[in-house]
Amino acid sequence: MRIVGGRFRGKLLTAPEGRDEVRPTSDRAREAVFNVLLHRFQGRNGFMLSESRVLDVFAGTGALGLEALSRGARHVTFLERGPQALQALKANIRSMRADAECAVIAGDALKPPQARQPVSLVFLDPPYAQPLCSPVLTALAEKGWLAPGAVAVAETARDAEAVVPPGFTVVDTRDYGKARVTFLVWQGSGISPA
């Protein structure tokens, strides 16, 4: 597994042994996701990947957030609770020499801390067996993590229930192998920040 585009292109990513704690998004699916972001969302409602602040939830190895950073994102915050995944994530950030552009929060995605600054791009890649995308997006909205018009990219199993939490609009859905990726935009209504 490696970074597929931008300044870190070709850099290998460390992953924990086994697949119990981490199921990384494939290089091919990651490339496809960033093509959608750059061709469908770039410039829409002020979204610019090169200026974005990013939140990578269920970060695992950090592949999605580091890919965004490689392609010009300004800052990435990673939210992960698995000890082995956190170890691999921190090693990957160090190997990219990206410590100054990254923050790591060890915690539960359903109970995120209050945001210091909202983000314009969120990646969610929870365990496929658990329908967590909608409740996590709701929790993030309540804690002020989402800027108006923020883009959320949610990866689920292809046959999973649709991800449509209150205050979000589904803009696109793509299938990549066993994965379904849903692109949503935060409309900023329906949920009051806590």
N, C-alpha and C. Protein backbone atom coordinates (compact mmCIF):
# COMPACT_ATOMS: atom_id res chain seq x y z
N MET A 1 0.85 -1.18 0.00
CA MET A 1 0.00 0.00 0.00
C MET A 1 0.89 1.24 0.00
N ARG A 2 0.54 2.18 -0.88
CA ARG A 2 1.38 3.37 -1.02
C ARG A 2 0.53 4.60 -1.31
N ILE A 3 1.12 5.78 -1.19
CA ILE A 3 0.47 7.02 -1.59
C ILE A 3 0.48 7.05 -3.12
N VAL A 4 -0.66 7.39 -3.73
CA VAL A 4 -0.75 7.27 -5.18
C VAL A 4 -0.60 8.58 -5.95
N GLY A 5 -0.62 9.73 -5.27
CA GLY A 5 -0.47 11.00 -6.00
C GLY A 5 0.11 12.09 -5.13
N GLY A 6 0.60 13.15 -5.78
CA GLY A 6 1.10 14.31 -5.06
C GLY A 6 2.53 14.19 -4.59
N ARG A 7 2.89 15.03 -3.62
CA ARG A 7 4.29 15.13 -3.19
C ARG A 7 4.83 13.88 -2.50
N PHE A 8 3.96 13.04 -1.92
CA PHE A 8 4.41 11.79 -1.26
C PHE A 8 4.22 10.58 -2.18
N ARG A 9 3.91 10.82 -3.44
CA ARG A 9 3.61 9.73 -4.38
C ARG A 9 4.67 8.63 -4.32
N GLY A 10 4.17 7.39 -4.21
CA GLY A 10 5.06 6.24 -4.18
C GLY A 10 5.56 5.84 -2.80
N LYS A 11 5.35 6.70 -1.80
CA LYS A 11 5.80 6.37 -0.44
C LYS A 11 4.95 5.23 0.10
N LEU A 12 5.64 4.24 0.67
CA LEU A 12 4.95 3.08 1.25
C LEU A 12 4.35 3.43 2.59
N LEU A 13 3.21 2.80 2.91
CA LEU A 13 2.55 2.99 4.20
C LEU A 13 2.68 1.73 5.03
N THR A 14 2.95 1.92 6.31
CA THR A 14 3.02 0.82 7.26
C THR A 14 1.59 0.46 7.68
N ALA A 15 1.30 -0.83 7.78
CA ALA A 15 -0.01 -1.29 8.26
C ALA A 15 0.21 -2.32 9.35
N PRO A 16 -0.68 -2.38 10.35
CA PRO A 16 -0.56 -3.40 11.39
C PRO A 16 -0.68 -4.80 10.81
N GLU A 17 -0.11 -5.77 11.49
CA GLU A 17 -0.23 -7.17 11.08
C GLU A 17 -1.70 -7.58 11.13
N GLY A 18 -2.11 -8.44 10.21
CA GLY A 18 -3.50 -8.92 10.20
C GLY A 18 -4.46 -7.87 9.71
N ARG A 19 -5.73 -8.22 9.66
CA ARG A 19 -6.77 -7.30 9.17
C ARG A 19 -7.86 -7.08 10.21
N ASP A 20 -7.60 -7.47 11.48
CA ASP A 20 -8.63 -7.33 12.51
C ASP A 20 -8.90 -5.86 12.84
N GLU A 21 -7.85 -5.07 12.90
CA GLU A 21 -7.98 -3.69 13.35
C GLU A 21 -8.08 -2.71 12.19
N VAL A 22 -7.50 -3.04 11.05
CA VAL A 22 -7.42 -2.10 9.93
C VAL A 22 -7.78 -2.79 8.63
N ARG A 23 -8.59 -2.13 7.80
CA ARG A 23 -8.93 -2.59 6.46
C ARG A 23 -8.70 -1.40 5.53
N PRO A 24 -7.46 -1.21 5.07
CA PRO A 24 -7.14 -0.01 4.29
C PRO A 24 -7.89 0.06 2.96
N THR A 25 -8.24 1.28 2.58
CA THR A 25 -8.82 1.52 1.27
C THR A 25 -7.76 1.22 0.23
N SER A 26 -8.10 0.44 -0.79
CA SER A 26 -7.12 0.05 -1.80
C SER A 26 -6.58 1.28 -2.54
N ASP A 27 -5.37 1.14 -3.08
CA ASP A 27 -4.76 2.23 -3.84
C ASP A 27 -5.68 2.67 -4.99
N ARG A 28 -6.25 1.69 -5.67
CA ARG A 28 -7.11 1.98 -6.82
C ARG A 28 -8.36 2.75 -6.41
N ALA A 29 -9.00 2.33 -5.31
CA ALA A 29 -10.20 3.02 -4.83
C ALA A 29 -9.84 4.43 -4.35
N ARG A 30 -8.69 4.55 -3.68
CA ARG A 30 -8.26 5.87 -3.20
C ARG A 30 -8.03 6.83 -4.36
N GLU A 31 -7.38 6.33 -5.41
CA GLU A 31 -7.16 7.15 -6.61
C GLU A 31 -8.50 7.59 -7.20
N ALA A 32 -9.47 6.69 -7.28
CA ALA A 32 -10.79 7.01 -7.81
C ALA A 32 -11.50 8.06 -6.96
N VAL A 33 -11.41 7.93 -5.64
CA VAL A 33 -12.04 8.90 -4.72
C VAL A 33 -11.46 10.29 -4.95
N PHE A 34 -10.15 10.38 -5.07
CA PHE A 34 -9.53 11.70 -5.27
C PHE A 34 -9.84 12.27 -6.65
N ASN A 35 -10.02 11.42 -7.64
CA ASN A 35 -10.45 11.91 -8.95
C ASN A 35 -11.84 12.54 -8.86
N VAL A 36 -12.75 11.91 -8.11
CA VAL A 36 -14.08 12.48 -7.92
C VAL A 36 -13.98 13.82 -7.18
N LEU A 37 -13.18 13.85 -6.12
CA LEU A 37 -13.04 15.10 -5.36
C LEU A 37 -12.50 16.22 -6.24
N LEU A 38 -11.50 15.92 -7.05
CA LEU A 38 -10.87 16.96 -7.87
C LEU A 38 -11.72 17.37 -9.07
N HIS A 39 -12.47 16.43 -9.64
CA HIS A 39 -13.22 16.76 -10.85
C HIS A 39 -14.68 17.15 -10.59
N ARG A 40 -15.24 16.68 -9.48
CA ARG A 40 -16.65 16.97 -9.22
C ARG A 40 -16.84 18.06 -8.15
N PHE A 41 -15.92 18.13 -7.19
CA PHE A 41 -16.12 19.05 -6.06
C PHE A 41 -15.21 20.26 -6.08
N GLN A 42 -14.06 20.17 -6.72
CA GLN A 42 -13.09 21.27 -6.74
C GLN A 42 -13.76 22.55 -7.24
N GLY A 43 -13.72 23.59 -6.44
CA GLY A 43 -14.31 24.87 -6.81
C GLY A 43 -15.80 24.99 -6.52
N ARG A 44 -16.45 23.88 -6.18
CA ARG A 44 -17.89 23.90 -5.88
C ARG A 44 -18.09 24.38 -4.44
N ASN A 45 -18.92 25.36 -4.25
CA ASN A 45 -19.20 25.92 -2.92
C ASN A 45 -17.91 26.30 -2.19
N GLY A 46 -16.90 26.72 -2.94
CA GLY A 46 -15.65 27.15 -2.33
C GLY A 46 -14.71 26.03 -1.92
N PHE A 47 -15.05 24.77 -2.21
CA PHE A 47 -14.18 23.66 -1.82
C PHE A 47 -12.93 23.63 -2.69
N MET A 48 -11.78 23.63 -2.03
CA MET A 48 -10.49 23.52 -2.71
C MET A 48 -9.65 22.54 -1.91
N LEU A 49 -9.29 21.41 -2.51
CA LEU A 49 -8.47 20.42 -1.81
C LEU A 49 -7.18 21.04 -1.31
N SER A 50 -6.59 21.92 -2.13
CA SER A 50 -5.30 22.52 -1.76
C SER A 50 -5.39 23.44 -0.54
N GLU A 51 -6.57 23.87 -0.18
CA GLU A 51 -6.73 24.76 0.98
C GLU A 51 -7.43 24.07 2.15
N SER A 52 -7.76 22.81 1.97
CA SER A 52 -8.65 22.16 2.93
C SER A 52 -7.98 21.76 4.23
N ARG A 53 -8.81 21.76 5.26
CA ARG A 53 -8.48 21.14 6.53
C ARG A 53 -9.29 19.85 6.51
N VAL A 54 -8.64 18.74 6.86
CA VAL A 54 -9.22 17.42 6.67
C VAL A 54 -9.33 16.68 8.00
N LEU A 55 -10.37 15.88 8.13
CA LEU A 55 -10.53 14.98 9.27
C LEU A 55 -10.65 13.57 8.71
N ASP A 56 -9.76 12.67 9.15
CA ASP A 56 -9.76 11.27 8.73
C ASP A 56 -10.21 10.45 9.94
N VAL A 57 -11.47 9.98 9.90
CA VAL A 57 -12.08 9.25 11.02
C VAL A 57 -11.97 7.75 10.75
N PHE A 58 -11.74 6.97 11.81
CA PHE A 58 -11.40 5.55 11.66
C PHE A 58 -10.16 5.49 10.77
N ALA A 59 -9.18 6.29 11.11
CA ALA A 59 -8.04 6.58 10.23
C ALA A 59 -7.20 5.37 9.88
N GLY A 60 -7.10 4.39 10.76
CA GLY A 60 -6.26 3.23 10.46
C GLY A 60 -4.84 3.65 10.17
N THR A 61 -4.35 3.33 8.98
CA THR A 61 -2.98 3.68 8.59
C THR A 61 -2.83 5.15 8.25
N GLY A 62 -3.96 5.85 8.08
CA GLY A 62 -3.92 7.26 7.69
C GLY A 62 -3.85 7.45 6.19
N ALA A 63 -4.09 6.39 5.42
CA ALA A 63 -3.92 6.46 3.96
C ALA A 63 -4.74 7.58 3.31
N LEU A 64 -6.00 7.73 3.70
CA LEU A 64 -6.84 8.75 3.07
C LEU A 64 -6.38 10.16 3.44
N GLY A 65 -6.15 10.39 4.72
CA GLY A 65 -5.69 11.71 5.15
C GLY A 65 -4.33 12.08 4.60
N LEU A 66 -3.41 11.11 4.59
CA LEU A 66 -2.07 11.38 4.04
C LEU A 66 -2.12 11.58 2.54
N GLU A 67 -3.02 10.89 1.87
CA GLU A 67 -3.21 11.12 0.43
C GLU A 67 -3.69 12.56 0.19
N ALA A 68 -4.62 13.03 1.02
CA ALA A 68 -5.11 14.41 0.90
C ALA A 68 -3.97 15.40 1.15
N LEU A 69 -3.16 15.13 2.16
CA LEU A 69 -2.03 16.00 2.46
C LEU A 69 -1.03 16.01 1.30
N SER A 70 -0.77 14.85 0.75
CA SER A 70 0.13 14.72 -0.39
C SER A 70 -0.35 15.55 -1.58
N ARG A 71 -1.67 15.66 -1.70
CA ARG A 71 -2.26 16.38 -2.84
C ARG A 71 -2.57 17.84 -2.52
N GLY A 72 -2.05 18.34 -1.40
CA GLY A 72 -2.13 19.77 -1.14
C GLY A 72 -2.99 20.23 0.01
N ALA A 73 -3.64 19.32 0.74
CA ALA A 73 -4.43 19.76 1.91
C ALA A 73 -3.51 20.49 2.89
N ARG A 74 -4.08 21.44 3.60
CA ARG A 74 -3.29 22.27 4.52
C ARG A 74 -2.98 21.54 5.83
N HIS A 75 -3.96 20.80 6.37
CA HIS A 75 -3.79 20.14 7.66
C HIS A 75 -4.73 18.95 7.74
N VAL A 76 -4.29 17.88 8.40
CA VAL A 76 -5.12 16.70 8.59
C VAL A 76 -5.15 16.32 10.07
N THR A 77 -6.34 16.10 10.58
CA THR A 77 -6.52 15.55 11.92
C THR A 77 -7.00 14.11 11.74
N PHE A 78 -6.36 13.19 12.45
CA PHE A 78 -6.70 11.77 12.37
C PHE A 78 -7.38 11.37 13.67
N LEU A 79 -8.48 10.63 13.57
CA LEU A 79 -9.20 10.13 14.74
C LEU A 79 -9.22 8.61 14.64
N GLU A 80 -8.61 7.97 15.63
CA GLU A 80 -8.47 6.51 15.64
C GLU A 80 -8.36 6.07 17.08
N ARG A 81 -8.86 4.87 17.40
CA ARG A 81 -8.75 4.40 18.78
C ARG A 81 -7.98 3.09 18.92
N GLY A 82 -7.76 2.35 17.86
CA GLY A 82 -7.06 1.07 17.93
C GLY A 82 -5.57 1.27 18.20
N PRO A 83 -5.02 0.63 19.23
CA PRO A 83 -3.61 0.82 19.59
C PRO A 83 -2.63 0.49 18.46
N GLN A 84 -2.83 -0.64 17.77
CA GLN A 84 -1.91 -1.00 16.69
C GLN A 84 -2.06 -0.05 15.50
N ALA A 85 -3.28 0.35 15.20
CA ALA A 85 -3.52 1.30 14.11
C ALA A 85 -2.87 2.64 14.44
N LEU A 86 -3.00 3.09 15.69
CA LEU A 86 -2.38 4.35 16.11
C LEU A 86 -0.87 4.31 15.93
N GLN A 87 -0.27 3.18 16.27
CA GLN A 87 1.17 3.01 16.10
C GLN A 87 1.57 3.13 14.64
N ALA A 88 0.84 2.43 13.77
CA ALA A 88 1.13 2.48 12.33
C ALA A 88 0.88 3.88 11.77
N LEU A 89 -0.21 4.51 12.20
CA LEU A 89 -0.54 5.86 11.75
C LEU A 89 0.58 6.84 12.09
N LYS A 90 1.03 6.82 13.33
CA LYS A 90 2.10 7.74 13.75
C LYS A 90 3.40 7.47 13.00
N ALA A 91 3.69 6.19 12.73
CA ALA A 91 4.88 5.85 11.95
C ALA A 91 4.76 6.39 10.53
N ASN A 92 3.58 6.32 9.94
CA ASN A 92 3.39 6.82 8.59
C ASN A 92 3.53 8.34 8.52
N ILE A 93 3.00 9.03 9.51
CA ILE A 93 3.14 10.49 9.56
C ILE A 93 4.62 10.86 9.67
N ARG A 94 5.34 10.16 10.55
CA ARG A 94 6.79 10.42 10.71
C ARG A 94 7.54 10.15 9.42
N SER A 95 7.21 9.04 8.74
CA SER A 95 7.94 8.69 7.52
C SER A 95 7.72 9.72 6.41
N MET A 96 6.60 10.43 6.44
CA MET A 96 6.33 11.49 5.46
C MET A 96 6.90 12.83 5.92
N ARG A 97 7.42 12.85 7.15
CA ARG A 97 7.91 14.10 7.77
C ARG A 97 6.80 15.16 7.77
N ALA A 98 5.62 14.72 8.18
CA ALA A 98 4.43 15.58 8.12
C ALA A 98 3.88 15.92 9.50
N ASP A 99 4.70 15.76 10.55
CA ASP A 99 4.22 16.01 11.92
C ASP A 99 3.60 17.39 12.10
N ALA A 100 4.18 18.42 11.47
CA ALA A 100 3.69 19.79 11.65
C ALA A 100 2.34 20.01 10.98
N GLU A 101 1.98 19.15 10.03
CA GLU A 101 0.73 19.32 9.28
C GLU A 101 -0.35 18.35 9.74
N CYS A 102 -0.06 17.60 10.80
CA CYS A 102 -0.98 16.55 11.25
C CYS A 102 -1.22 16.62 12.75
N ALA A 103 -2.40 16.17 13.15
CA ALA A 103 -2.72 15.98 14.57
C ALA A 103 -3.39 14.62 14.68
N VAL A 104 -3.09 13.90 15.75
CA VAL A 104 -3.68 12.59 15.98
C VAL A 104 -4.49 12.63 17.27
N ILE A 105 -5.75 12.22 17.20
CA ILE A 105 -6.61 12.13 18.37
C ILE A 105 -6.92 10.65 18.59
N ALA A 106 -6.56 10.15 19.76
CA ALA A 106 -6.89 8.76 20.12
C ALA A 106 -8.24 8.80 20.83
N GLY A 107 -9.28 8.33 20.16
CA GLY A 107 -10.58 8.40 20.79
C GLY A 107 -11.67 7.73 19.99
N ASP A 108 -12.86 7.78 20.55
CA ASP A 108 -14.06 7.16 20.00
C ASP A 108 -14.73 8.12 19.02
N ALA A 109 -14.95 7.68 17.79
CA ALA A 109 -15.55 8.53 16.77
C ALA A 109 -16.99 8.92 17.11
N LEU A 110 -17.67 8.10 17.92
CA LEU A 110 -19.04 8.43 18.32
C LEU A 110 -19.08 9.49 19.41
N LYS A 111 -17.94 9.74 20.04
CA LYS A 111 -17.84 10.76 21.09
C LYS A 111 -16.63 11.65 20.81
N PRO A 112 -16.63 12.36 19.68
CA PRO A 112 -15.47 13.19 19.34
C PRO A 112 -15.36 14.39 20.27
N PRO A 113 -14.14 14.90 20.43
CA PRO A 113 -13.98 16.12 21.22
C PRO A 113 -14.55 17.32 20.45
N GLN A 114 -14.74 18.42 21.15
CA GLN A 114 -15.17 19.66 20.49
C GLN A 114 -14.08 20.08 19.51
N ALA A 115 -14.48 20.49 18.33
CA ALA A 115 -13.51 20.92 17.30
C ALA A 115 -12.88 22.25 17.68
N ARG A 116 -11.60 22.37 17.40
CA ARG A 116 -10.92 23.67 17.56
C ARG A 116 -11.14 24.53 16.33
N GLN A 117 -11.20 23.86 15.18
CA GLN A 117 -11.42 24.54 13.90
C GLN A 117 -12.16 23.58 12.97
N PRO A 118 -13.21 24.04 12.28
CA PRO A 118 -13.96 23.13 11.41
C PRO A 118 -13.14 22.71 10.20
N VAL A 119 -13.53 21.59 9.62
CA VAL A 119 -12.84 21.05 8.44
C VAL A 119 -13.76 21.13 7.22
N SER A 120 -13.15 21.09 6.04
CA SER A 120 -13.94 21.14 4.81
C SER A 120 -14.01 19.77 4.12
N LEU A 121 -13.26 18.78 4.65
CA LEU A 121 -13.28 17.44 4.07
C LEU A 121 -13.15 16.41 5.17
N VAL A 122 -14.06 15.43 5.17
CA VAL A 122 -14.06 14.35 6.17
C VAL A 122 -14.05 13.01 5.45
N PHE A 123 -13.16 12.12 5.89
CA PHE A 123 -13.16 10.74 5.41
C PHE A 123 -13.63 9.84 6.54
N LEU A 124 -14.52 8.90 6.24
CA LEU A 124 -14.98 7.91 7.22
C LEU A 124 -14.86 6.53 6.59
N ASP A 125 -14.14 5.65 7.27
CA ASP A 125 -13.97 4.28 6.77
C ASP A 125 -14.09 3.32 7.96
N PRO A 126 -15.32 3.22 8.53
CA PRO A 126 -15.50 2.37 9.71
C PRO A 126 -15.51 0.89 9.35
N PRO A 127 -15.46 0.01 10.35
CA PRO A 127 -15.62 -1.43 10.07
C PRO A 127 -16.92 -1.67 9.31
N TYR A 128 -16.86 -2.47 8.27
CA TYR A 128 -18.03 -2.69 7.42
C TYR A 128 -19.22 -3.29 8.17
N ALA A 129 -18.96 -4.06 9.20
CA ALA A 129 -20.04 -4.75 9.91
C ALA A 129 -20.84 -3.81 10.81
N GLN A 130 -20.37 -2.58 10.98
CA GLN A 130 -21.04 -1.65 11.90
C GLN A 130 -21.55 -0.43 11.14
N PRO A 131 -22.84 -0.11 11.23
CA PRO A 131 -23.41 1.05 10.53
C PRO A 131 -23.11 2.34 11.30
N LEU A 132 -21.89 2.83 11.16
CA LEU A 132 -21.45 3.95 11.97
C LEU A 132 -21.38 5.30 11.26
N CYS A 133 -21.41 5.32 9.93
CA CYS A 133 -21.20 6.59 9.23
C CYS A 133 -22.22 7.67 9.61
N SER A 134 -23.50 7.35 9.58
CA SER A 134 -24.52 8.36 9.91
C SER A 134 -24.40 8.86 11.34
N PRO A 135 -24.32 7.98 12.37
CA PRO A 135 -24.20 8.52 13.73
C PRO A 135 -22.90 9.27 13.97
N VAL A 136 -21.81 8.87 13.31
CA VAL A 136 -20.54 9.59 13.50
C VAL A 136 -20.61 10.97 12.84
N LEU A 137 -21.17 11.07 11.65
CA LEU A 137 -21.31 12.38 11.01
C LEU A 137 -22.19 13.30 11.85
N THR A 138 -23.24 12.75 12.44
CA THR A 138 -24.10 13.55 13.32
C THR A 138 -23.31 14.03 14.54
N ALA A 139 -22.52 13.14 15.14
CA ALA A 139 -21.70 13.52 16.31
C ALA A 139 -20.68 14.59 15.94
N LEU A 140 -20.07 14.47 14.77
CA LEU A 140 -19.08 15.47 14.33
C LEU A 140 -19.75 16.83 14.12
N ALA A 141 -20.94 16.82 13.52
CA ALA A 141 -21.67 18.07 13.32
C ALA A 141 -22.01 18.73 14.65
N GLU A 142 -22.44 17.92 15.61
CA GLU A 142 -22.80 18.45 16.93
C GLU A 142 -21.60 19.06 17.65
N LYS A 143 -20.42 18.57 17.37
CA LYS A 143 -19.20 19.07 18.03
C LYS A 143 -18.47 20.13 17.20
N GLY A 144 -19.10 20.63 16.14
CA GLY A 144 -18.55 21.75 15.38
C GLY A 144 -17.40 21.42 14.43
N TRP A 145 -17.30 20.15 14.03
CA TRP A 145 -16.19 19.74 13.16
C TRP A 145 -16.39 20.15 11.71
N LEU A 146 -17.61 20.43 11.28
CA LEU A 146 -17.90 20.60 9.86
C LEU A 146 -18.14 22.05 9.48
N ALA A 147 -17.33 22.54 8.54
CA ALA A 147 -17.54 23.88 7.98
C ALA A 147 -18.75 23.82 7.05
N PRO A 148 -19.43 24.94 6.83
CA PRO A 148 -20.55 24.93 5.87
C PRO A 148 -20.06 24.44 4.51
N GLY A 149 -20.82 23.52 3.91
CA GLY A 149 -20.44 22.98 2.61
C GLY A 149 -19.37 21.92 2.65
N ALA A 150 -19.01 21.45 3.85
CA ALA A 150 -17.97 20.41 3.96
C ALA A 150 -18.38 19.17 3.19
N VAL A 151 -17.38 18.53 2.58
CA VAL A 151 -17.60 17.29 1.83
C VAL A 151 -17.24 16.12 2.74
N ALA A 152 -18.13 15.14 2.82
CA ALA A 152 -17.86 13.92 3.59
C ALA A 152 -17.81 12.75 2.62
N VAL A 153 -16.77 11.91 2.78
CA VAL A 153 -16.59 10.73 1.94
C VAL A 153 -16.69 9.52 2.86
N ALA A 154 -17.77 8.76 2.71
CA ALA A 154 -18.05 7.64 3.61
C ALA A 154 -17.92 6.32 2.86
N GLU A 155 -17.05 5.44 3.35
CA GLU A 155 -16.87 4.12 2.74
C GLU A 155 -17.59 3.08 3.58
N THR A 156 -18.44 2.30 2.92
CA THR A 156 -19.19 1.23 3.58
C THR A 156 -19.14 -0.02 2.70
N ALA A 157 -19.71 -1.10 3.20
CA ALA A 157 -19.87 -2.28 2.36
C ALA A 157 -20.88 -1.94 1.26
N ARG A 158 -20.71 -2.55 0.13
CA ARG A 158 -21.55 -2.26 -1.04
C ARG A 158 -23.03 -2.47 -0.75
N ASP A 159 -23.37 -3.46 0.08
CA ASP A 159 -24.77 -3.76 0.37
C ASP A 159 -25.27 -3.12 1.66
N ALA A 160 -24.50 -2.17 2.21
CA ALA A 160 -24.88 -1.53 3.48
C ALA A 160 -26.03 -0.55 3.27
N GLU A 161 -26.68 -0.23 4.38
CA GLU A 161 -27.75 0.76 4.38
C GLU A 161 -27.18 2.11 3.94
N ALA A 162 -27.98 2.90 3.24
CA ALA A 162 -27.55 4.20 2.73
C ALA A 162 -27.15 5.14 3.87
N VAL A 163 -26.15 5.97 3.60
CA VAL A 163 -25.65 6.94 4.57
C VAL A 163 -26.27 8.29 4.24
N VAL A 164 -27.28 8.71 5.05
CA VAL A 164 -27.91 10.01 4.85
C VAL A 164 -28.31 10.60 6.20
N PRO A 165 -27.35 11.11 6.97
CA PRO A 165 -27.70 11.72 8.26
C PRO A 165 -28.38 13.08 8.05
N PRO A 166 -29.09 13.57 9.07
CA PRO A 166 -29.74 14.87 8.97
C PRO A 166 -28.71 15.97 8.67
N GLY A 167 -29.10 16.91 7.81
CA GLY A 167 -28.22 18.04 7.49
C GLY A 167 -27.26 17.78 6.35
N PHE A 168 -27.28 16.56 5.78
CA PHE A 168 -26.39 16.21 4.67
C PHE A 168 -27.19 15.91 3.41
N THR A 169 -26.58 16.16 2.27
CA THR A 169 -27.15 15.79 0.98
C THR A 169 -26.18 14.85 0.29
N VAL A 170 -26.69 13.73 -0.21
CA VAL A 170 -25.86 12.80 -0.98
C VAL A 170 -25.71 13.38 -2.39
N VAL A 171 -24.46 13.52 -2.83
CA VAL A 171 -24.17 14.09 -4.14
C VAL A 171 -23.77 13.02 -5.14
N ASP A 172 -23.12 11.97 -4.67
CA ASP A 172 -22.63 10.93 -5.58
C ASP A 172 -22.42 9.65 -4.79
N THR A 173 -22.54 8.51 -5.45
CA THR A 173 -22.25 7.21 -4.86
C THR A 173 -21.51 6.40 -5.91
N ARG A 174 -20.42 5.76 -5.49
CA ARG A 174 -19.61 4.94 -6.41
C ARG A 174 -19.32 3.60 -5.74
N ASP A 175 -19.29 2.55 -6.54
CA ASP A 175 -18.94 1.22 -6.05
C ASP A 175 -17.56 0.84 -6.56
N TYR A 176 -16.72 0.34 -5.65
CA TYR A 176 -15.38 -0.13 -5.98
C TYR A 176 -15.20 -1.50 -5.35
N GLY A 177 -15.36 -2.55 -6.13
CA GLY A 177 -15.27 -3.91 -5.58
C GLY A 177 -16.37 -4.12 -4.56
N LYS A 178 -15.99 -4.51 -3.34
CA LYS A 178 -16.96 -4.76 -2.26
C LYS A 178 -17.33 -3.48 -1.52
N ALA A 179 -16.68 -2.36 -1.88
CA ALA A 179 -16.90 -1.10 -1.17
C ALA A 179 -17.86 -0.19 -1.91
N ARG A 180 -18.64 0.56 -1.15
CA ARG A 180 -19.46 1.66 -1.69
C ARG A 180 -18.95 2.95 -1.05
N VAL A 181 -18.70 3.94 -1.88
CA VAL A 181 -18.25 5.23 -1.39
C VAL A 181 -19.34 6.25 -1.68
N THR A 182 -19.80 6.91 -0.61
CA THR A 182 -20.85 7.91 -0.71
C THR A 182 -20.24 9.28 -0.46
N PHE A 183 -20.51 10.21 -1.36
CA PHE A 183 -20.01 11.59 -1.24
C PHE A 183 -21.19 12.45 -0.79
N LEU A 184 -21.04 13.11 0.34
CA LEU A 184 -22.10 13.93 0.90
C LEU A 184 -21.61 15.35 1.12
N VAL A 185 -22.55 16.29 1.17
CA VAL A 185 -22.21 17.69 1.47
C VAL A 185 -23.02 18.11 2.69
N TRP A 186 -22.33 18.72 3.65
CA TRP A 186 -22.96 19.22 4.87
C TRP A 186 -23.68 20.53 4.56
N GLN A 187 -24.99 20.53 4.76
CA GLN A 187 -25.80 21.71 4.49
C GLN A 187 -25.90 22.60 5.73
N GLY A 188 -25.48 22.07 6.88
CA GLY A 188 -25.46 22.87 8.08
C GLY A 188 -26.83 23.10 8.70
N SER A 189 -27.78 22.24 8.38
CA SER A 189 -29.10 22.41 8.99
C SER A 189 -29.53 21.09 9.61
N GLY A 190 -30.42 21.17 10.54
CA GLY A 190 -30.95 19.96 11.15
C GLY A 190 -30.21 19.54 12.41
N ILE A 191 -29.03 20.09 12.64
CA ILE A 191 -28.26 19.74 13.85
C ILE A 191 -27.67 21.02 14.41
N SER A 192 -27.86 21.22 15.68
CA SER A 192 -27.26 22.38 16.33
C SER A 192 -25.97 21.97 17.01
N PRO A 193 -24.86 22.72 16.77
CA PRO A 193 -23.63 22.39 17.47
C PRO A 193 -23.82 22.45 18.98
N ALA A 194 -23.17 21.52 19.69
CA ALA A 194 -23.30 21.47 21.15
C ALA A 194 -22.57 22.62 21.81
